[in-house]
Protein backbone atom coordinates (compact mmCIF):
# COMPACT_ATOMS: atom_id res chain seq x y z
CA UNK A 1 0.00 0.00 0.00
CA UNK A 2 1.33 3.43 -0.96
CA UNK A 3 0.51 6.43 1.19
CA UNK A 4 0.36 9.78 -0.56
CA UNK A 5 0.24 13.04 1.37
CA UNK A 6 -2.82 15.13 0.63
CA UNK A 7 -2.22 18.58 -0.78
CA UNK A 8 -4.55 21.51 -1.03
CA UNK A 9 -4.52 21.37 -4.82
CA UNK A 10 -3.89 25.10 -5.06
CA UNK A 11 -0.71 26.33 -6.73
CA UNK A 12 1.65 28.56 -4.77
CA UNK A 13 1.14 32.27 -5.29
CA UNK A 14 3.73 33.84 -7.55
CA UNK A 15 5.75 36.61 -5.94
CA UNK A 16 4.86 40.09 -7.19
CA UNK A 17 7.32 42.60 -8.58
CA UNK A 18 7.46 45.88 -6.65
CA UNK A 19 5.35 47.77 -9.19
CA UNK A 20 2.72 45.02 -9.15
CA UNK A 21 2.58 45.04 -5.33
CA UNK A 22 2.14 48.82 -5.39
CA UNK A 23 -0.67 48.48 -7.94
CA UNK A 24 -2.42 45.88 -5.76
CA UNK A 25 -2.22 48.16 -2.72
CA UNK A 26 -3.43 51.25 -4.56
CA UNK A 27 -6.25 49.47 -6.38
CA UNK A 28 -7.50 47.71 -3.25
CA UNK A 29 -7.41 50.96 -1.26
CA UNK A 30 -9.34 52.74 -4.03
CA UNK A 31 -11.95 50.00 -4.45
CA UNK A 32 -12.67 49.78 -0.72
CA UNK A 33 -14.30 53.21 -0.89
CA UNK A 34 -18.07 52.88 -1.35
CA UNK A 35 -19.38 53.49 -4.86
CA UNK A 36 -16.01 53.47 -6.61
CA UNK A 37 -15.03 51.65 -9.77
CA UNK A 38 -11.65 51.27 -11.35
CA UNK A 39 -9.86 50.68 -14.61
CA UNK A 40 -6.37 49.18 -14.47
CA UNK A 41 -4.41 49.90 -17.64
CA UNK A 42 -0.93 48.50 -18.23
CA UNK A 43 1.19 47.25 -21.10
CA UNK A 44 0.94 43.74 -22.51
CA UNK A 45 2.71 41.14 -20.40
CA UNK A 46 2.97 43.20 -17.22
CA UNK A 47 0.74 40.98 -15.09
CA UNK A 48 -2.66 42.68 -15.21
CA UNK A 49 -4.47 39.39 -14.60
CA UNK A 50 -2.20 38.53 -11.68
CA UNK A 51 -2.65 41.99 -10.15
CA UNK A 52 -6.42 41.83 -10.62
CA UNK A 53 -6.59 38.41 -8.97
CA UNK A 54 -4.57 39.65 -6.00
CA UNK A 55 -6.82 42.70 -5.65
CA UNK A 56 -9.83 40.38 -5.58
CA UNK A 57 -8.10 38.35 -2.83
CA UNK A 58 -7.49 41.56 -0.84
CA UNK A 59 -11.12 42.62 -1.05
């Protein structure tokens, strides 16, 4: 019989670059204010999806 350790199944979070971490902090702070919306614009390949996912985690 082989015993296999159970894992959570979730991948580890990728570390953010400093500009991405700053974007997460600023976006989350902005979106916590009632009635606000936001638009995050950045160049292709800069991690917009990753930043957006981390903002969602923060909220």
